[in-house]
Protein backbone atom coordinates (compact mmCIF):
# COMPACT_ATOMS: atom_id res chain seq x y z
CA MET A 1 69.37 89.13 137.83
CA ARG A 2 67.17 86.36 139.19
CA VAL A 3 68.69 83.97 141.71
CA THR A 4 67.97 80.37 140.71
CA ILE A 5 68.88 77.15 142.47
CA GLU A 6 69.19 74.20 140.12
CA LYS A 7 69.16 70.71 141.51
CA LYS A 8 71.45 68.40 139.56
CA THR A 9 69.17 65.53 138.72
CA ASP A 10 67.79 63.52 135.85
CA GLN A 11 64.18 63.76 137.00
CA LEU A 12 61.45 66.31 137.64
CA ASN A 13 61.31 67.34 141.30
CA PHE A 14 58.81 68.92 143.67
CA GLU A 15 61.04 72.01 143.71
CA ASP A 16 60.22 72.56 140.02
CA PHE A 17 56.64 73.31 141.03
CA LEU A 18 57.12 75.69 143.94
CA GLY A 19 54.99 78.83 143.96
CA GLY A 20 52.00 77.21 142.29
CA VAL A 21 53.82 76.36 139.05
CA THR A 22 52.10 73.77 136.85
CA ARG A 23 53.39 71.98 133.75
CA VAL A 24 51.67 70.15 130.95
CA VAL A 25 53.84 67.27 129.75
CA THR A 26 53.51 64.94 126.77
CA ILE A 27 54.50 61.32 127.33
CA ALA A 28 57.22 60.11 124.96
CA GLY A 29 57.80 56.67 126.46
CA VAL A 30 57.72 54.52 129.59
CA THR A 31 60.60 52.34 130.81
CA ALA A 32 61.32 50.32 133.94
CA GLY A 33 62.82 52.33 136.77
CA THR A 34 64.10 51.37 140.21
CA LYS A 35 62.64 49.54 143.19
CA GLU A 36 61.77 52.85 144.85
CA GLN A 37 60.35 54.47 141.69
CA GLN A 38 59.07 51.76 139.41
CA TYR A 39 58.86 53.60 136.09
CA ASP A 40 60.64 56.37 134.22
CA ILE A 41 58.33 58.37 132.00
CA ALA A 42 60.13 60.27 129.25
CA ILE A 43 58.46 63.54 128.30
CA GLU A 44 58.75 65.60 125.13
CA GLU A 45 59.13 68.94 126.91
CA ASP A 46 62.18 68.10 129.06
CA LYS A 47 65.28 65.92 128.86
CA ARG A 48 64.62 64.84 132.44
CA VAL A 49 62.19 62.02 133.19
CA TRP A 50 59.08 62.08 135.31
CA ARG A 51 59.06 59.38 137.99
CA PRO A 52 55.50 59.25 139.34
CA ALA A 53 54.81 58.11 142.87
CA VAL A 54 52.92 54.83 143.23
CA THR A 55 49.63 56.59 143.93
CA VAL A 56 49.94 58.65 140.75
CA LEU A 57 50.83 55.53 138.75
CA LYS A 58 47.75 53.76 140.09
CA LEU A 59 45.62 56.72 139.06
CA LEU A 60 47.05 56.75 135.54
CA VAL A 61 46.55 53.00 135.17
CA ALA A 62 42.97 53.31 136.38
CA ALA A 63 42.26 56.10 133.88
CA TRP A 64 44.30 54.98 130.87
CA GLY A 65 44.81 51.23 131.32
CA ASP A 66 48.04 49.33 131.98
CA ASP A 67 49.41 49.21 128.40
CA ALA A 68 52.17 51.81 128.59
CA THR A 69 52.56 51.90 124.80
CA GLU A 70 49.10 53.47 124.67
CA TRP A 71 50.28 56.30 126.93
CA VAL A 72 52.69 57.70 124.34
CA GLY A 73 51.41 61.03 123.04
CA ARG A 74 49.03 61.47 125.94
CA ARG A 75 49.35 64.53 128.15
CA ALA A 76 49.15 65.32 131.84
CA GLU A 77 49.18 68.51 133.88
CA LEU A 78 51.52 68.24 136.87
CA TYR A 79 51.61 70.31 140.04
CA GLY A 80 53.42 70.28 143.37
CA ASP A 81 51.57 69.02 146.44
CA PRO A 82 53.34 70.20 149.63
CA THR A 83 51.25 67.88 151.85
CA ILE A 84 52.80 64.63 150.59
CA MET A 85 54.54 62.71 153.37
CA PHE A 86 57.57 60.43 153.34
CA GLY A 87 57.45 58.51 156.59
CA ARG A 88 56.77 61.16 159.21
CA ASP A 89 58.25 63.99 157.17
CA ARG A 90 56.29 66.35 154.96
CA VAL A 91 58.47 66.44 151.84
CA GLY A 92 56.07 67.38 149.06
CA GLY A 93 55.69 65.63 145.74
CA ILE A 94 54.29 65.80 142.22
CA ARG A 95 50.61 65.15 141.57
CA VAL A 96 48.40 65.16 138.48
CA SER A 97 45.45 67.55 138.15
CA ARG A 98 44.32 66.98 134.55
CA ILE A 99 44.96 64.36 131.87
CA SER A 100 44.06 63.94 128.22
CA HIS A 101 41.98 61.12 126.75
CA ILE A 102 39.15 61.34 129.27
CA ASP A 103 35.93 63.20 128.54
CA LYS A 104 34.81 63.88 132.11
CA PRO A 105 36.32 64.02 135.62
CA PHE A 106 37.72 60.63 136.64
CA THR A 107 37.84 59.48 140.26
CA ALA A 108 39.58 56.40 141.64
CA SER A 109 39.66 55.18 145.23
CA LEU A 110 43.28 54.23 145.85
CA THR A 111 45.05 52.60 148.77
CA GLU A 112 47.57 54.87 150.47
CA THR A 113 49.34 54.43 153.82
CA ARG A 114 48.43 51.56 156.15
CA GLY A 115 45.65 50.28 153.93
CA LYS A 116 43.68 53.52 154.01
CA ARG A 117 41.86 54.39 150.80
CA LYS A 118 41.41 57.88 149.43
CA ALA A 119 39.52 59.22 146.43
CA HIS A 120 41.71 60.89 143.79
CA THR A 121 40.16 62.88 140.94
CA VAL A 122 41.64 64.15 137.69
CA ASP A 123 39.88 66.45 135.25
CA PRO A 124 39.95 66.33 131.44
CA LEU A 125 42.85 68.21 129.86
CA PRO A 126 41.75 70.17 126.78
CA PRO A 127 43.59 69.72 123.47
CA ALA A 128 46.86 71.63 123.16
CA ASP A 129 45.33 74.13 120.72
CA ASP A 130 42.59 74.96 123.24
CA ILE A 131 45.17 75.53 125.98
CA ASP A 132 47.16 77.84 123.69
CA ARG A 133 44.01 79.83 122.98
CA GLN A 134 43.25 80.06 126.70
CA LEU A 135 46.77 81.34 127.42
CA GLU A 136 46.53 83.87 124.59
CA ALA A 137 43.16 85.10 125.88
CA HIS A 138 44.58 85.46 129.40
CA ASP A 139 47.57 87.46 128.12
CA LEU A 140 45.31 89.79 126.14
CA ALA A 141 42.95 90.17 129.10
CA ALA A 142 45.91 91.09 131.33
CA GLN A 143 46.87 93.82 128.85
CA VAL A 144 43.32 95.20 128.93
CA VAL A 145 43.32 95.16 132.75
CA SER A 146 46.59 97.11 132.78
CA ALA A 147 45.12 99.67 130.38
CA LEU A 148 41.97 99.99 132.49
CA ALA A 149 44.07 100.71 135.56
CA ASP A 150 45.82 103.53 133.66
CA ALA A 151 42.60 104.96 132.20
CA THR A 152 41.70 108.42 133.51
CA THR A 153 38.38 109.07 131.76
CA GLU A 154 35.10 107.21 131.33
CA ALA A 155 35.63 107.30 127.57
CA GLU A 156 38.93 105.42 127.90
CA VAL A 157 37.38 102.77 130.12
CA ARG A 158 34.46 102.27 127.72
CA GLU A 159 36.85 102.09 124.76
CA TRP A 160 38.87 99.33 126.42
CA GLY A 161 35.65 97.62 127.43
CA ASN A 162 34.53 97.65 123.79
CA ARG A 163 37.86 96.20 122.68
CA ALA A 164 37.57 93.44 125.27
CA HIS A 165 33.99 92.72 124.15
CA ALA A 166 35.10 92.45 120.52
CA ARG A 167 37.65 89.79 121.48
CA ASN A 168 35.34 87.94 123.90
CA LEU A 169 37.55 88.86 126.85
CA LEU A 170 35.01 90.42 129.21
CA ASP A 171 34.49 87.22 131.21
CA VAL A 172 38.15 86.18 131.28
CA PRO A 173 39.44 86.31 134.89
CA VAL A 174 42.74 88.01 135.69
CA ASP A 175 43.92 87.34 139.25
CA GLY A 176 40.43 86.09 140.07
CA VAL A 177 38.48 89.11 138.78
CA THR A 178 36.92 89.29 135.31
CA VAL A 179 37.73 92.06 132.86
CA ARG A 180 34.06 93.07 132.99
CA ASP A 181 34.14 93.56 136.77
CA ARG A 182 37.42 95.46 136.59
CA ALA A 183 35.99 97.83 133.97
CA THR A 184 32.89 98.40 136.09
CA ALA A 185 35.04 99.06 139.17
CA ARG A 186 37.28 101.49 137.28
CA LEU A 187 34.25 103.39 135.99
CA ALA A 188 32.96 103.71 139.55
CA GLU A 189 36.36 104.98 140.72
CA ILE A 190 36.50 107.64 138.00
CA GLU A 191 32.93 108.74 138.71
CA ALA A 192 33.78 109.05 142.41
CA GLU A 193 36.91 111.05 141.59
CA MET A 194 34.91 113.39 139.35
CA ALA A 195 32.22 113.82 142.00
CA GLY A 196 34.86 114.58 144.61
CA GLY A 197 36.52 117.13 142.36
CA ALA A 198 33.24 118.88 141.66
CA ALA A 199 32.36 119.16 145.35
């Protein structure tokens, strides 16, 4: 059983993104919020709303324009930034890493605390179908990596390498290392084991 701690709230929170979790959300509507958080953004993937910080709102307006009706159907990838401050306290918050409807990285210089300006950049978010294909490729690559780790002969490694090649998975990274490099490393390990056994 996994121990989970759910915060009773009607909005997305920094805690939802602990451990490097990211989420792609689709905007369903924008309504006026409170003095502290000016707008509530309804999202298709969750009954809770996303209440962006002012800096994030400024970035979205700079990239998409200020007509909120045009935002409906657009998508953003959210992540947790533990460095965000509230007063003198480091409380963490939700940032945006990628958004749809831009064709290249977008950078805006935005005013933050005490009039200081800072450059904020968001990258293009691929279409949903492309993301699904990327996730599928990663899952398949992870299966190949697991099989490579269990392989005990050169023939097995080469067979899994051929399967990965047939599905264009050789250059897909799993935990920062491509399938190709893992296959090469496993071959070297088996060759070393065979050489050691023959000695």
